[in-house]
Structure formats: structure tokens, C-alpha cells
Amino acid sequence: MSAHGHVDMGHTVAGWTGTAMAVVGFTVTGIAVAAVSAPIALAGIGITLGAALLTWLLHLAGWGKPSGPRPESEWSWRTRDDAARRGHPDCLGCRLAGRRAGSPEKASNAVPVASTVTG
């Protein structure tokens, strides 16, 4: 049992990788502020933005997790989410990627055209 009790903390490959990369990005940006260096600051900002992009891509590849609790068998951070290809309901990252799980298909606004035969 962890210090947080018997709960799903949501530790995933996407979460750990993105967090580690963001910490590096913020550290580089902090060094740039202390050194008063715009190029280093831009590099740090780029690393931080890259962390967000990498986390999103890993989530879409199934290395993240859907919102809410997971079954206990999926609590390991090494467990891949097979439902990610269909998209997670209420997930902004999945919606940005065009994955709309749980939402009904949109009806087409096209009106069928009746063909007329002239003779």
C-alpha cells in the first residue's frame, strides 16, 4: 500500500516522460533567467513545449490513461491502454486528435437530391 492509500494514482509512461522532460525545460529556462540569456530561455521554452507534445503523442499511442479510475489490473505504469485508438470520452487530447469515443456520429446536413428523368 502506498502513502496515498489503495488508489489509482494514474502513473503512466506518458505522464512520467512528460513530467521529466518538463522539469528539464523549466530548469533550462531558470538557468537562462539567472544568466540573462534569451537563446537559452528560448531553448528551455522549446523543451517545455516539446514535453507537452511528447506527452500528448504518447497518450494517443496508448501510453497514457483515460480520465477517472482504472481497474486495479491496469494500475502499473507500464500497462498500455488499448482503448486509446478509439479515443477516451471527455478527453481534450483525444478530441484534438479527432478521436471522439462515446459521442454519437454527427448526422449529415446534406439533403438528398431527387433525380428527375426528363424525356
PDB file of N, CA and C in Angstrom:
ATOM      1  N   MET A   1       0.844  -1.174   0.000  1.00  0.00           N
ATOM      2  CA  MET A   1       0.000   0.000   0.000  1.00  0.00           C
ATOM      3  C   MET A   1       0.891   1.240   0.000  1.00  0.00           C
ATOM      4  N   SER A   2       0.508   2.219  -0.770  1.00  0.00           N
ATOM      5  CA  SER A   2       1.312   3.432  -0.866  1.00  0.00           C
ATOM      6  C   SER A   2       0.905   4.428   0.214  1.00  0.00           C
ATOM      7  N   ALA A   3       1.596   5.526   0.280  1.00  0.00           N
ATOM      8  CA  ALA A   3       1.275   6.579   1.239  1.00  0.00           C
ATOM      9  C   ALA A   3      -0.069   7.233   0.937  1.00  0.00           C
ATOM     10  N   HIS A   4      -0.561   7.052  -0.290  1.00  0.00           N
ATOM     11  CA  HIS A   4      -1.825   7.653  -0.699  1.00  0.00           C
ATOM     12  C   HIS A   4      -3.009   6.717  -0.513  1.00  0.00           C
ATOM     13  N   GLY A   5      -2.786   5.535   0.009  1.00  0.00           N
ATOM     14  CA  GLY A   5      -3.857   4.563   0.152  1.00  0.00           C
ATOM     15  C   GLY A   5      -3.927   3.664  -1.071  1.00  0.00           C
ATOM     16  N   HIS A   6      -4.982   2.897  -1.136  1.00  0.00           N
ATOM     17  CA  HIS A   6      -5.148   1.936  -2.222  1.00  0.00           C
ATOM     18  C   HIS A   6      -5.963   2.580  -3.347  1.00  0.00           C
ATOM     19  N   VAL A   7      -5.313   3.464  -4.118  1.00  0.00           N
ATOM     20  CA  VAL A   7      -5.993   4.192  -5.187  1.00  0.00           C
ATOM     21  C   VAL A   7      -5.137   4.195  -6.448  1.00  0.00           C
ATOM     22  N   ASP A   8      -5.784   4.459  -7.574  1.00  0.00           N
ATOM     23  CA  ASP A   8      -5.090   4.570  -8.851  1.00  0.00           C
ATOM     24  C   ASP A   8      -4.564   5.997  -8.980  1.00  0.00           C
ATOM     25  N   MET A   9      -3.252   6.156  -8.914  1.00  0.00           N
ATOM     26  CA  MET A   9      -2.664   7.490  -8.992  1.00  0.00           C
ATOM     27  C   MET A   9      -2.447   7.942 -10.435  1.00  0.00           C
ATOM     28  N   GLY A  10      -2.671   7.062 -11.409  1.00  0.00           N
ATOM     29  CA  GLY A  10      -2.566   7.456 -12.795  1.00  0.00           C
ATOM     30  C   GLY A  10      -1.154   7.560 -13.327  1.00  0.00           C
ATOM     31  N   HIS A  11      -0.211   6.898 -12.677  1.00  0.00           N
ATOM     32  CA  HIS A  11       1.167   6.924 -13.163  1.00  0.00           C
ATOM     33  C   HIS A  11       1.250   6.171 -14.485  1.00  0.00           C
ATOM     34  N   THR A  12       1.735   6.854 -15.530  1.00  0.00           N
ATOM     35  CA  THR A  12       1.836   6.259 -16.856  1.00  0.00           C
ATOM     36  C   THR A  12       3.168   6.628 -17.490  1.00  0.00           C
ATOM     37  N   VAL A  13       3.525   5.929 -18.541  1.00  0.00           N
ATOM     38  CA  VAL A  13       4.737   6.261 -19.291  1.00  0.00           C
ATOM     39  C   VAL A  13       4.644   7.693 -19.814  1.00  0.00           C
ATOM     40  N   ALA A  14       3.480   8.059 -20.363  1.00  0.00           N
ATOM     41  CA  ALA A  14       3.296   9.420 -20.885  1.00  0.00           C
ATOM     42  C   ALA A  14       3.465  10.454 -19.775  1.00  0.00           C
ATOM     43  N   GLY A  15       2.891  10.182 -18.618  1.00  0.00           N
ATOM     44  CA  GLY A  15       2.980  11.121 -17.504  1.00  0.00           C
ATOM     45  C   GLY A  15       4.389  11.290 -16.983  1.00  0.00           C
ATOM     46  N   TRP A  16       5.087  10.172 -16.771  1.00  0.00           N
ATOM     47  CA  TRP A  16       6.458  10.241 -16.260  1.00  0.00           C
ATOM     48  C   TRP A  16       7.404  10.886 -17.268  1.00  0.00           C
ATOM     49  N   THR A  17       7.284  10.516 -18.528  1.00  0.00           N
ATOM     50  CA  THR A  17       8.172  11.067 -19.558  1.00  0.00           C
ATOM     51  C   THR A  17       7.944  12.564 -19.725  1.00  0.00           C
ATOM     52  N   GLY A  18       6.679  12.956 -19.826  1.00  0.00           N
ATOM     53  CA  GLY A  18       6.353  14.376 -19.988  1.00  0.00           C
ATOM     54  C   GLY A  18       6.796  15.212 -18.796  1.00  0.00           C
ATOM     55  N   THR A  19       6.592  14.681 -17.597  1.00  0.00           N
ATOM     56  CA  THR A  19       6.989  15.414 -16.397  1.00  0.00           C
ATOM     57  C   THR A  19       8.501  15.584 -16.332  1.00  0.00           C
ATOM     58  N   ALA A  20       9.243  14.516 -16.615  1.00  0.00           N
ATOM     59  CA  ALA A  20      10.708  14.604 -16.581  1.00  0.00           C
ATOM     60  C   ALA A  20      11.217  15.617 -17.603  1.00  0.00           C
ATOM     61  N   MET A  21      10.656  15.568 -18.797  1.00  0.00           N
ATOM     62  CA  MET A  21      11.095  16.497 -19.835  1.00  0.00           C
ATOM     63  C   MET A  21      10.711  17.942 -19.494  1.00  0.00           C
ATOM     64  N   ALA A  22       9.536  18.134 -18.899  1.00  0.00           N
ATOM     65  CA  ALA A  22       9.117  19.484 -18.496  1.00  0.00           C
ATOM     66  C   ALA A  22      10.020  20.035 -17.386  1.00  0.00           C
ATOM     67  N   VAL A  23      10.436  19.180 -16.461  1.00  0.00           N
ATOM     68  CA  VAL A  23      11.348  19.620 -15.399  1.00  0.00           C
ATOM     69  C   VAL A  23      12.668  20.087 -16.007  1.00  0.00           C
ATOM     70  N   VAL A  24      13.163  19.342 -16.994  1.00  0.00           N
ATOM     71  CA  VAL A  24      14.397  19.756 -17.678  1.00  0.00           C
ATOM     72  C   VAL A  24      14.174  21.105 -18.369  1.00  0.00           C
ATOM     73  N   GLY A  25      13.029  21.261 -19.053  1.00  0.00           N
ATOM     74  CA  GLY A  25      12.734  22.516 -19.741  1.00  0.00           C
ATOM     75  C   GLY A  25      12.652  23.699 -18.790  1.00  0.00           C
ATOM     76  N   PHE A  26      11.970  23.510 -17.660  1.00  0.00           N
ATOM     77  CA  PHE A  26      11.872  24.597 -16.679  1.00  0.00           C
ATOM     78  C   PHE A  26      13.226  24.904 -16.052  1.00  0.00           C
ATOM     79  N   THR A  27      14.038  23.867 -15.851  1.00  0.00           N
ATOM     80  CA  THR A  27      15.377  24.080 -15.288  1.00  0.00           C
ATOM     81  C   THR A  27      16.237  24.893 -16.249  1.00  0.00           C
ATOM     82  N   VAL A  28      16.205  24.545 -17.522  1.00  0.00           N
ATOM     83  CA  VAL A  28      16.966  25.304 -18.526  1.00  0.00           C
ATOM     84  C   VAL A  28      16.468  26.744 -18.586  1.00  0.00           C
ATOM     85  N   THR A  29      15.146  26.935 -18.530  1.00  0.00           N
ATOM     86  CA  THR A  29      14.594  28.294 -18.549  1.00  0.00           C
ATOM     87  C   THR A  29      15.032  29.070 -17.309  1.00  0.00           C
ATOM     88  N   GLY A  30      15.048  28.410 -16.155  1.00  0.00           N
ATOM     89  CA  GLY A  30      15.508  29.069 -14.925  1.00  0.00           C
ATOM     90  C   GLY A  30      16.968  29.462 -15.002  1.00  0.00           C
ATOM     91  N   ILE A  31      17.780  28.605 -15.568  1.00  0.00           N
ATOM     92  CA  ILE A  31      19.203  28.936 -15.754  1.00  0.00           C
ATOM     93  C   ILE A  31      19.335  30.135 -16.685  1.00  0.00           C
ATOM     94  N   ALA A  32      18.498  30.169 -17.720  1.00  0.00           N
ATOM     95  CA  ALA A  32      18.539  31.287 -18.666  1.00  0.00           C
ATOM     96  C   ALA A  32      18.164  32.601 -17.996  1.00  0.00           C
ATOM     97  N   VAL A  33      17.204  32.557 -17.094  1.00  0.00           N
ATOM     98  CA  VAL A  33      16.821  33.783 -16.374  1.00  0.00           C
ATOM     99  C   VAL A  33      17.987  34.258 -15.514  1.00  0.00           C
ATOM    100  N   ALA A  34      18.639  33.318 -14.819  1.00  0.00           N
ATOM    101  CA  ALA A  34      19.772  33.700 -13.974  1.00  0.00           C
ATOM    102  C   ALA A  34      20.946  34.201 -14.815  1.00  0.00           C
ATOM    103  N   ALA A  35      21.129  33.639 -16.003  1.00  0.00           N
ATOM    104  CA  ALA A  35      22.241  34.023 -16.872  1.00  0.00           C
ATOM    105  C   ALA A  35      21.864  35.177 -17.798  1.00  0.00           C
ATOM    106  N   VAL A  36      20.630  35.609 -17.784  1.00  0.00           N
ATOM    107  CA  VAL A  36      20.099  36.653 -18.657  1.00  0.00           C
ATOM    108  C   VAL A  36      20.445  36.338 -20.118  1.00  0.00           C
ATOM    109  N   SER A  37      19.979  35.173 -20.545  1.00  0.00           N
ATOM    110  CA  SER A  37      20.281  34.703 -21.891  1.00  0.00           C
ATOM    111  C   SER A  37      18.987  34.335 -22.618  1.00  0.00           C
ATOM    112  N   ALA A  38      18.665  35.121 -23.634  1.00  0.00           N
ATOM    113  CA  ALA A  38      17.449  34.862 -24.414  1.00  0.00           C
ATOM    114  C   ALA A  38      17.538  33.557 -25.206  1.00  0.00           C
ATOM    115  N   PRO A  39      18.664  33.235 -25.837  1.00  0.00           N
ATOM    116  CA  PRO A  39      18.719  31.971 -26.579  1.00  0.00           C
ATOM    117  C   PRO A  39      18.514  30.739 -25.686  1.00  0.00           C
ATOM    118  N   ILE A  40      19.093  30.756 -24.505  1.00  0.00           N
ATOM    119  CA  ILE A  40      18.910  29.630 -23.588  1.00  0.00           C
ATOM    120  C   ILE A  40      17.454  29.591 -23.098  1.00  0.00           C
ATOM    121  N   ALA A  41      16.863  30.751 -22.871  1.00  0.00           N
ATOM    122  CA  ALA A  41      15.452  30.803 -22.448  1.00  0.00           C
ATOM    123  C   ALA A  41      14.551  30.217 -23.532  1.00  0.00           C
ATOM    124  N   LEU A  42      14.828  30.561 -24.769  1.00  0.00           N
ATOM    125  CA  LEU A  42      14.034  30.007 -25.865  1.00  0.00           C
ATOM    126  C   LEU A  42      14.214  28.492 -25.975  1.00  0.00           C
ATOM    127  N   ALA A  43      15.420  28.020 -25.727  1.00  0.00           N
ATOM    128  CA  ALA A  43      15.659  26.574 -25.741  1.00  0.00           C
ATOM    129  C   ALA A  43      14.863  25.898 -24.626  1.00  0.00           C
ATOM    130  N   GLY A  44      14.861  26.494 -23.447  1.00  0.00           N
ATOM    131  CA  GLY A  44      14.106  25.942 -22.325  1.00  0.00           C
ATOM    132  C   GLY A  44      12.614  25.929 -22.599  1.00  0.00           C
ATOM    133  N   ILE A  45      12.115  27.001 -23.193  1.00  0.00           N
ATOM    134  CA  ILE A  45      10.692  27.061 -23.553  1.00  0.00           C
ATOM    135  C   ILE A  45      10.387  26.007 -24.612  1.00  0.00           C
ATOM    136  N   GLY A  46      11.285  25.832 -25.564  1.00  0.00           N
ATOM    137  CA  GLY A  46      11.103  24.808 -26.599  1.00  0.00           C
ATOM    138  C   GLY A  46      11.068  23.404 -26.015  1.00  0.00           C
ATOM    139  N   ILE A  47      11.937  23.130 -25.051  1.00  0.00           N
ATOM    140  CA  ILE A  47      11.947  21.817 -24.399  1.00  0.00           C
ATOM    141  C   ILE A  47      10.632  21.596 -23.654  1.00  0.00           C
ATOM    142  N   THR A  48      10.149  22.633 -22.978  1.00  0.00           N
ATOM    143  CA  THR A  48       8.896  22.524 -22.229  1.00  0.00           C
ATOM    144  C   THR A  48       7.715  22.289 -23.169  1.00  0.00           C
ATOM    145  N   LEU A  49       7.662  23.002 -24.271  1.00  0.00           N
ATOM    146  CA  LEU A  49       6.596  22.771 -25.251  1.00  0.00           C
ATOM    147  C   LEU A  49       6.723  21.389 -25.884  1.00  0.00           C
ATOM    148  N   GLY A  50       7.958  20.955 -26.103  1.00  0.00           N
ATOM    149  CA  GLY A  50       8.190  19.610 -26.616  1.00  0.00           C
ATOM    150  C   GLY A  50       7.705  18.546 -25.639  1.00  0.00           C
ATOM    151  N   ALA A  51       7.818  18.824 -24.340  1.00  0.00           N
ATOM    152  CA  ALA A  51       7.321  17.889 -23.320  1.00  0.00           C
ATOM    153  C   ALA A  51       5.807  17.724 -23.433  1.00  0.00           C
ATOM    154  N   ALA A  52       5.113  18.830 -23.649  1.00  0.00           N
ATOM    155  CA  ALA A  52       3.655  18.760 -23.809  1.00  0.00           C
ATOM    156  C   ALA A  52       3.291  17.961 -25.058  1.00  0.00           C
ATOM    157  N   LEU A  53       3.990  18.205 -26.149  1.00  0.00           N
ATOM    158  CA  LEU A  53       3.722  17.487 -27.395  1.00  0.00           C
ATOM    159  C   LEU A  53       4.036  15.996 -27.252  1.00  0.00           C
ATOM    160  N   LEU A  54       5.171  15.668 -26.636  1.00  0.00           N
ATOM    161  CA  LEU A  54       5.549  14.274 -26.449  1.00  0.00           C
ATOM    162  C   LEU A  54       4.541  13.544 -25.561  1.00  0.00           C
ATOM    163  N   THR A  55       4.086  14.195 -24.492  1.00  0.00           N
ATOM    164  CA  THR A  55       3.103  13.589 -23.602  1.00  0.00           C
ATOM    165  C   THR A  55       1.815  13.294 -24.350  1.00  0.00           C
ATOM    166  N   TRP A  56       1.383  14.235 -25.168  1.00  0.00           N
ATOM    167  CA  TRP A  56       0.160  14.061 -25.958  1.00  0.00           C
ATOM    168  C   TRP A  56       0.306  12.897 -26.939  1.00  0.00           C
ATOM    169  N   LEU A  57       1.431  12.848 -27.634  1.00  0.00           N
ATOM    170  CA  LEU A  57       1.658  11.765 -28.599  1.00  0.00           C
ATOM    171  C   LEU A  57       1.723  10.399 -27.909  1.00  0.00           C
ATOM    172  N   LEU A  58       2.365  10.338 -26.746  1.00  0.00           N
ATOM    173  CA  LEU A  58       2.412   9.084 -26.009  1.00  0.00           C
ATOM    174  C   LEU A  58       1.021   8.680 -25.522  1.00  0.00           C
ATOM    175  N   HIS A  59       0.221   9.652 -25.107  1.00  0.00           N
ATOM    176  CA  HIS A  59      -1.163   9.381 -24.704  1.00  0.00           C
ATOM    177  C   HIS A  59      -1.950   8.788 -25.873  1.00  0.00           C
ATOM    178  N   LEU A  60      -1.802   9.386 -27.042  1.00  0.00           N
ATOM    179  CA  LEU A  60      -2.520   8.896 -28.218  1.00  0.00           C
ATOM    180  C   LEU A  60      -2.034   7.503 -28.635  1.00  0.00           C
ATOM    181  N   ALA A  61      -0.776   7.196 -28.349  1.00  0.00           N
ATOM    182  CA  ALA A  61      -0.221   5.893 -28.688  1.00  0.00           C
ATOM    183  C   ALA A  61      -0.608   4.820 -27.667  1.00  0.00           C
ATOM    184  N   GLY A  62      -1.326   5.210 -26.607  1.00  0.00           N
ATOM    185  CA  GLY A  62      -1.782   4.247 -25.624  1.00  0.00           C
ATOM    186  C   GLY A  62      -0.958   4.181 -24.356  1.00  0.00           C
ATOM    187  N   TRP A  63       0.001   5.070 -24.197  1.00  0.00           N
ATOM    188  CA  TRP A  63       0.845   5.054 -23.004  1.00  0.00           C
ATOM    189  C   TRP A  63       0.382   6.041 -21.943  1.00  0.00           C
ATOM    190  N   GLY A  64      -0.795   6.609 -22.129  1.00  0.00           N
ATOM    191  CA  GLY A  64      -1.408   7.469 -21.117  1.00  0.00           C
ATOM    192  C   GLY A  64      -2.534   6.714 -20.445  1.00  0.00           C
ATOM    193  N   LYS A  65      -3.516   7.437 -19.933  1.00  0.00           N
ATOM    194  CA  LYS A  65      -4.678   6.783 -19.341  1.00  0.00           C
ATOM    195  C   LYS A  65      -5.903   7.646 -19.543  1.00  0.00           C
ATOM    196  N   PRO A  66      -7.083   7.024 -19.555  1.00  0.00           N
ATOM    197  CA  PRO A  66      -8.298   7.814 -19.646  1.00  0.00           C
ATOM    198  C   PRO A  66      -8.570   8.506 -18.311  1.00  0.00           C
ATOM    199  N   SER A  67      -9.471   9.457 -18.309  1.00  0.00           N
ATOM    200  CA  SER A  67      -9.859  10.130 -17.071  1.00  0.00           C
ATOM    201  C   SER A  67     -10.571   9.143 -16.161  1.00  0.00           C
ATOM    202  N   GLY A  68     -10.464   9.367 -14.880  1.00  0.00           N
ATOM    203  CA  GLY A  68     -11.164   8.535 -13.917  1.00  0.00           C
ATOM    204  C   GLY A  68     -10.362   7.321 -13.496  1.00  0.00           C
ATOM    205  N   PRO A  69     -10.937   6.555 -12.557  1.00  0.00           N
ATOM    206  CA  PRO A  69     -10.225   5.378 -12.053  1.00  0.00           C
ATOM    207  C   PRO A  69     -10.169   4.254 -13.074  1.00  0.00           C
ATOM    208  N   ARG A  70      -9.117   3.455 -12.979  1.00  0.00           N
ATOM    209  CA  ARG A  70      -8.934   2.286 -13.841  1.00  0.00           C
ATOM    210  C   ARG A  70      -9.082   1.030 -12.992  1.00  0.00           C
ATOM    211  N   PRO A  71      -9.326  -0.098 -13.627  1.00  0.00           N
ATOM    212  CA  PRO A  71      -9.324  -1.358 -12.874  1.00  0.00           C
ATOM    213  C   PRO A  71      -7.943  -1.593 -12.260  1.00  0.00           C
ATOM    214  N   GLU A  72      -7.907  -2.257 -11.137  1.00  0.00           N
ATOM    215  CA  GLU A  72      -6.646  -2.462 -10.429  1.00  0.00           C
ATOM    216  C   GLU A  72      -5.612  -3.204 -11.277  1.00  0.00           C
ATOM    217  N   SER A  73      -6.065  -4.045 -12.190  1.00  0.00           N
ATOM    218  CA  SER A  73      -5.134  -4.784 -13.045  1.00  0.00           C
ATOM    219  C   SER A  73      -4.379  -3.865 -14.006  1.00  0.00           C
ATOM    220  N   GLU A  74      -4.847  -2.633 -14.187  1.00  0.00           N
ATOM    221  CA  GLU A  74      -4.206  -1.680 -15.099  1.00  0.00           C
ATOM    222  C   GLU A  74      -3.465  -0.563 -14.359  1.00  0.00           C
ATOM    223  N   TRP A  75      -3.214  -0.718 -13.075  1.00  0.00           N
ATOM    224  CA  TRP A  75      -2.573   0.332 -12.300  1.00  0.00           C
ATOM    225  C   TRP A  75      -1.078   0.479 -12.577  1.00  0.00           C
ATOM    226  N   SER A  76      -0.428  -0.541 -13.075  1.00  0.00           N
ATOM    227  CA  SER A  76       1.006  -0.442 -13.340  1.00  0.00           C
ATOM    228  C   SER A  76       1.259   0.634 -14.397  1.00  0.00           C
ATOM    229  N   TRP A  77       2.311   1.399 -14.211  1.00  0.00           N
ATOM    230  CA  TRP A  77       2.613   2.462 -15.167  1.00  0.00           C
ATOM    231  C   TRP A  77       3.050   1.910 -16.509  1.00  0.00           C
ATOM    232  N   ARG A  78       3.395   0.628 -16.572  1.00  0.00           N
ATOM    233  CA  ARG A  78       3.823   0.002 -17.825  1.00  0.00           C
ATOM    234  C   ARG A  78       2.663  -0.575 -18.630  1.00  0.00           C
ATOM    235  N   THR A  79       1.431  -0.443 -18.126  1.00  0.00           N
ATOM    236  CA  THR A  79       0.272  -1.006 -18.811  1.00  0.00           C
ATOM    237  C   THR A  79      -0.161  -0.090 -19.938  1.00  0.00           C
ATOM    238  N   ARG A  80      -0.270  -0.648 -21.110  1.00  0.00           N
ATOM    239  CA  ARG A  80      -0.687   0.129 -22.279  1.00  0.00           C
ATOM    240  C   ARG A  80      -2.213   0.148 -22.378  1.00  0.00           C
ATOM    241  N   ASP A  81      -2.774   1.285 -22.754  1.00  0.00           N
ATOM    242  CA  ASP A  81      -4.218   1.456 -22.867  1.00  0.00           C
ATOM    243  C   ASP A  81      -4.649   1.142 -24.298  1.00  0.00           C
ATOM    244  N   ASP A  82      -5.302   0.001 -24.475  1.00  0.00           N
ATOM    245  CA  ASP A  82      -5.716  -0.408 -25.816  1.00  0.00           C
ATOM    246  C   ASP A  82      -6.887   0.414 -26.343  1.00  0.00           C
ATOM    247  N   ALA A  83      -7.619   1.103 -25.480  1.00  0.00           N
ATOM    248  CA  ALA A  83      -8.774   1.893 -25.907  1.00  0.00           C
ATOM    249  C   ALA A  83      -8.367   3.252 -26.475  1.00  0.00           C
ATOM    250  N   ALA A  84      -7.095   3.592 -26.415  1.00  0.00           N
ATOM    251  CA  ALA A  84      -6.654   4.921 -26.851  1.00  0.00           C
ATOM    252  C   ALA A  84      -6.879   5.157 -28.335  1.00  0.00           C
ATOM    253  N   ARG A  85      -6.831   4.130 -29.139  1.00  0.00           N
ATOM    254  CA  ARG A  85      -7.031   4.310 -30.587  1.00  0.00           C
ATOM    255  C   ARG A  85      -8.430   4.802 -30.907  1.00  0.00           C
ATOM    256  N   ARG A  86      -9.413   4.397 -30.108  1.00  0.00           N
ATOM    257  CA  ARG A  86     -10.791   4.850 -30.309  1.00  0.00           C
ATOM    258  C   ARG A  86     -11.019   6.217 -29.681  1.00  0.00           C
ATOM    259  N   GLY A  87     -10.164   6.605 -28.742  1.00  0.00           N
ATOM    260  CA  GLY A  87     -10.323   7.864 -28.038  1.00  0.00           C
ATOM    261  C   GLY A  87     -11.004   7.652 -26.702  1.00  0.00           C
ATOM    262  N   HIS A  88     -10.732   8.545 -25.770  1.00  0.00           N
ATOM    263  CA  HIS A  88     -11.336   8.472 -24.444  1.00  0.00           C
ATOM    264  C   HIS A  88     -12.483   9.482 -24.353  1.00  0.00           C
ATOM    265  N   PRO A  89     -13.596   9.094 -23.753  1.00  0.00           N
ATOM    266  CA  PRO A  89     -14.685  10.060 -23.582  1.00  0.00           C
ATOM    267  C   PRO A  89     -14.211  11.236 -22.717  1.00  0.00           C
ATOM    268  N   ASP A  90     -14.623  12.428 -23.047  1.00  0.00           N
ATOM    269  CA  ASP A  90     -14.303  13.654 -22.299  1.00  0.00           C
ATOM    270  C   ASP A  90     -12.812  13.935 -22.197  1.00  0.00           C
ATOM    271  N   CYS A  91     -12.025  13.507 -23.178  1.00  0.00           N
ATOM    272  CA  CYS A  91     -10.581  13.726 -23.175  1.00  0.00           C
ATOM    273  C   CYS A  91     -10.233  14.804 -24.205  1.00  0.00           C
ATOM    274  N   LEU A  92      -9.700  15.917 -23.742  1.00  0.00           N
ATOM    275  CA  LEU A  92      -9.338  17.010 -24.640  1.00  0.00           C
ATOM    276  C   LEU A  92      -8.277  16.565 -25.642  1.00  0.00           C
ATOM    277  N   GLY A  93      -7.281  15.817 -25.195  1.00  0.00           N
ATOM    278  CA  GLY A  93      -6.229  15.353 -26.094  1.00  0.00           C
ATOM    279  C   GLY A  93      -6.767  14.475 -27.210  1.00  0.00           C
ATOM    280  N   CYS A  94      -7.703  13.606 -26.883  1.00  0.00           N
ATOM    281  CA  CYS A  94      -8.304  12.740 -27.907  1.00  0.00           C
ATOM    282  C   CYS A  94      -9.172  13.559 -28.853  1.00  0.00           C
ATOM    283  N   ARG A  95      -9.906  14.523 -28.327  1.00  0.00           N
ATOM    284  CA  ARG A  95     -10.732  15.369 -29.200  1.00  0.00           C
ATOM    285  C   ARG A  95      -9.868  16.182 -30.142  1.00  0.00           C
ATOM    286  N   LEU A  96      -8.725  16.692 -29.663  1.00  0.00           N
ATOM    287  CA  LEU A  96      -7.816  17.449 -30.527  1.00  0.00           C
ATOM    288  C   LEU A  96      -7.261  16.582 -31.647  1.00  0.00           C
ATOM    289  N   ALA A  97      -7.143  15.280 -31.387  1.00  0.00           N
ATOM    290  CA  ALA A  97      -6.635  14.353 -32.395  1.00  0.00           C
ATOM    291  C   ALA A  97      -7.740  13.836 -33.306  1.00  0.00           C
ATOM    292  N   GLY A  98      -8.981  14.258 -33.049  1.00  0.00           N
ATOM    293  CA  GLY A  98     -10.097  13.824 -33.880  1.00  0.00           C
ATOM    294  C   GLY A  98     -10.691  12.492 -33.459  1.00  0.00           C
ATOM    295  N   ARG A  99     -10.336  12.038 -32.265  1.00  0.00           N
ATOM    296  CA  ARG A  99     -10.891  10.779 -31.748  1.00  0.00           C
ATOM    297  C   ARG A  99     -12.061  11.121 -30.839  1.00  0.00           C
ATOM    298  N   ARG A 100     -13.236  10.637 -31.175  1.00  0.00           N
ATOM    299  CA  ARG A 100     -14.452  11.020 -30.456  1.00  0.00           C
ATOM    300  C   ARG A 100     -15.154   9.803 -29.870  1.00  0.00           C
ATOM    301  N   ALA A 101     -14.550   9.152 -28.910  1.00  0.00           N
ATOM    302  CA  ALA A 101     -15.177   7.977 -28.302  1.00  0.00           C
ATOM    303  C   ALA A 101     -16.383   8.387 -27.488  1.00  0.00           C
ATOM    304  N   GLY A 102     -17.398   7.574 -27.566  1.00  0.00           N
ATOM    305  CA  GLY A 102     -18.574   7.800 -26.750  1.00  0.00           C
ATOM    306  C   GLY A 102     -19.522   8.851 -27.279  1.00  0.00           C
ATOM    307  N   SER A 103     -19.171   9.538 -28.343  1.00  0.00           N
ATOM    308  CA  SER A 103     -20.073  10.551 -28.880  1.00  0.00           C
ATOM    309  C   SER A 103     -20.779   9.976 -30.101  1.00  0.00           C
ATOM    310  N   PRO A 104     -22.049  10.296 -30.246  1.00  0.00           N
ATOM    311  CA  PRO A 104     -22.764   9.763 -31.397  1.00  0.00           C
ATOM    312  C   PRO A 104     -22.236  10.367 -32.681  1.00  0.00           C
ATOM    313  N   GLU A 105     -22.360   9.633 -33.741  1.00  0.00           N
ATOM    314  CA  GLU A 105     -21.932  10.133 -35.044  1.00  0.00           C
ATOM    315  C   GLU A 105     -22.770  11.332 -35.427  1.00  0.00           C
ATOM    316  N   LYS A 106     -22.143  12.325 -36.001  1.00  0.00           N
ATOM    317  CA  LYS A 106     -22.859  13.517 -36.434  1.00  0.00           C
ATOM    318  C   LYS A 106     -23.682  13.200 -37.675  1.00  0.00           C
ATOM    319  N   ALA A 107     -24.895  13.699 -37.669  1.00  0.00           N
ATOM    320  CA  ALA A 107     -25.752  13.498 -38.833  1.00  0.00           C
ATOM    321  C   ALA A 107     -25.309  14.439 -39.940  1.00  0.00           C
ATOM    322  N   SER A 108     -25.393  13.972 -41.133  1.00  0.00           N
ATOM    323  CA  SER A 108     -25.011  14.795 -42.271  1.00  0.00           C
ATOM    324  C   SER A 108     -26.078  15.840 -42.528  1.00  0.00           C
ATOM    325  N   ASN A 109     -25.670  17.037 -42.837  1.00  0.00           N
ATOM    326  CA  ASN A 109     -26.606  18.108 -43.153  1.00  0.00           C
ATOM    327  C   ASN A 109     -26.996  18.105 -44.621  1.00  0.00           C
ATOM    328  N   ALA A 110     -26.447  17.183 -45.366  1.00  0.00           N
ATOM    329  CA  ALA A 110     -26.729  17.143 -46.799  1.00  0.00           C
ATOM    330  C   ALA A 110     -28.161  16.665 -47.029  1.00  0.00           C
ATOM    331  N   VAL A 111     -28.832  17.312 -47.919  1.00  0.00           N
ATOM    332  CA  VAL A 111     -30.197  16.935 -48.277  1.00  0.00           C
ATOM    333  C   VAL A 111     -30.114  16.111 -49.555  1.00  0.00           C
ATOM    334  N   PRO A 112     -30.718  14.916 -49.552  1.00  0.00           N
ATOM    335  CA  PRO A 112     -30.642  14.105 -50.763  1.00  0.00           C
ATOM    336  C   PRO A 112     -31.383  14.780 -51.906  1.00  0.00           C
ATOM    337  N   VAL A 113     -30.791  14.717 -53.057  1.00  0.00           N
ATOM    338  CA  VAL A 113     -31.377  15.342 -54.238  1.00  0.00           C
ATOM    339  C   VAL A 113     -32.129  14.271 -55.023  1.00  0.00           C
ATOM    340  N   ALA A 114     -33.397  14.552 -55.275  1.00  0.00           N
ATOM    341  CA  ALA A 114     -34.208  13.599 -56.049  1.00  0.00           C
ATOM    342  C   ALA A 114     -33.833  13.758 -57.518  1.00  0.00           C
ATOM    343  N   SER A 115     -33.568  12.640 -58.143  1.00  0.00           N
ATOM    344  CA  SER A 115     -33.213  12.721 -59.567  1.00  0.00           C
ATOM    345  C   SER A 115     -34.499  12.697 -60.381  1.00  0.00           C
ATOM    346  N   THR A 116     -34.527  13.512 -61.357  1.00  0.00           N
ATOM    347  CA  THR A 116     -35.686  13.561 -62.240  1.00  0.00           C
ATOM    348  C   THR A 116     -35.258  13.147 -63.632  1.00  0.00           C
ATOM    349  N   VAL A 117     -36.053  12.366 -64.238  1.00  0.00           N
ATOM    350  CA  VAL A 117     -35.763  11.900 -65.582  1.00  0.00           C
ATOM    351  C   VAL A 117     -36.666  12.680 -66.542  1.00  0.00           C
ATOM    352  N   THR A 118     -36.052  13.356 -67.468  1.00  0.00           N
ATOM    353  CA  THR A 118     -36.840  14.087 -68.470  1.00  0.00           C
ATOM    354  C   THR A 118     -36.760  13.341 -69.777  1.00  0.00           C
ATOM    355  N   GLY A 119     -37.809  13.343 -70.445  1.00  0.00           N
ATOM    356  CA  GLY A 119     -37.725  12.537 -71.592  1.00  0.00           C
ATOM    357  C   GLY A 119     -38.264  12.992 -72.821  1.00  0.00           C
TER     358      GLY A 119
END
